[in-house]
Amino acid sequence: MCLAIPARVVELLPDDAATVDLGGVRRRISLALVDDVAVGDYVIVHVGYALNRLDPAEAERTLALFAEARALAAPPQP
């Protein structure tokens, strides 16, 4: 199964590229499929490509759900 996840753009780079923040991890991605992306925008990322821009409120809700799912899947702390 593959997931497309929201990521916040932190830097625009040459050649339709950007650096995004994925929960504290920074990755270089391609913006070749999306127009008019700015620093601070959220994009949906799949296999290194931004697929589209995402409303910030929707991105935050999705990221909160991912965090909740991780917490539920984590083993109990002693």
Protein backbone atom coordinates (compact mmCIF):
# COMPACT_ATOMS: atom_id res chain seq x y z
CA MET A 1 0.00 0.00 0.00
CA CYS A 2 1.25 3.50 -0.82
CA LEU A 3 0.25 6.70 0.88
CA ALA A 4 0.25 10.25 -0.35
CA ILE A 5 0.95 12.49 2.62
CA PRO A 6 0.71 16.22 3.34
CA ALA A 7 4.01 18.07 3.62
CA ARG A 8 4.79 21.76 4.18
CA VAL A 9 7.03 23.47 1.65
CA VAL A 10 9.99 25.07 3.43
CA GLU A 11 12.21 26.00 0.48
CA LEU A 12 11.79 26.44 -3.27
CA LEU A 13 14.71 25.09 -5.31
CA PRO A 14 15.72 25.37 -8.97
CA ASP A 15 14.36 22.99 -11.62
CA ASP A 16 10.81 22.63 -10.23
CA ALA A 17 12.04 21.24 -6.91
CA ALA A 18 11.37 22.05 -3.28
CA THR A 19 12.33 21.00 0.20
CA VAL A 20 9.38 19.89 2.31
CA ASP A 21 8.99 19.12 5.98
CA LEU A 22 7.40 15.77 6.78
CA GLY A 23 7.01 15.72 10.55
CA GLY A 24 10.51 17.06 11.15
CA VAL A 25 12.12 15.15 8.29
CA ARG A 26 13.14 17.27 5.32
CA ARG A 27 13.01 15.84 1.82
CA ARG A 28 13.65 17.17 -1.66
CA ILE A 29 10.64 16.67 -3.94
CA SER A 30 9.59 17.59 -7.46
CA LEU A 31 7.01 20.32 -8.09
CA ALA A 32 6.81 19.53 -11.81
CA LEU A 33 3.15 18.46 -11.54
CA VAL A 34 1.91 21.46 -9.49
CA ASP A 35 1.79 25.16 -10.37
CA ASP A 36 2.06 28.23 -8.13
CA VAL A 37 3.48 26.61 -4.99
CA ALA A 38 4.93 28.96 -2.37
CA VAL A 39 6.91 28.48 0.82
CA GLY A 40 4.45 27.62 3.58
CA ASP A 41 2.00 25.83 1.27
CA TYR A 42 1.04 22.24 1.96
CA VAL A 43 1.26 19.75 -0.87
CA ILE A 44 0.27 16.11 -1.16
CA VAL A 45 3.47 14.10 -1.78
CA HIS A 46 3.64 10.65 -3.34
CA VAL A 47 6.91 8.95 -4.33
CA GLY A 48 8.81 12.22 -4.39
CA TYR A 49 6.31 14.28 -6.40
CA ALA A 50 3.88 16.92 -5.21
CA LEU A 51 0.51 15.95 -6.68
CA ASN A 52 -1.47 19.03 -5.66
CA ARG A 53 -1.70 21.83 -3.11
CA LEU A 54 -3.77 21.23 -0.01
CA ASP A 55 -5.80 23.57 2.17
CA PRO A 56 -3.79 24.22 5.37
CA ALA A 57 -6.70 23.30 7.66
CA GLU A 58 -7.21 20.01 5.82
CA ALA A 59 -3.47 19.29 5.98
CA GLU A 60 -3.43 19.88 9.75
CA ARG A 61 -6.46 17.59 10.26
CA THR A 62 -4.84 14.85 8.19
CA LEU A 63 -1.52 15.15 10.02
CA ALA A 64 -3.36 15.02 13.38
CA LEU A 65 -5.09 11.80 12.29
CA PHE A 66 -1.74 10.28 11.29
CA ALA A 67 -0.30 11.23 14.70
CA GLU A 68 -3.29 9.67 16.45
CA ALA A 69 -2.93 6.47 14.43
CA ARG A 70 0.79 6.28 15.34
CA ALA A 71 -0.06 6.74 19.03
CA LEU A 72 -2.66 3.97 18.90
CA ALA A 73 -0.24 1.62 17.15
CA ALA A 74 2.63 2.29 19.55
CA PRO A 75 3.31 -0.35 22.20
CA PRO A 76 2.24 0.65 25.72
CA GLN A 77 4.91 2.37 27.79
CA PRO A 78 5.86 0.58 31.05
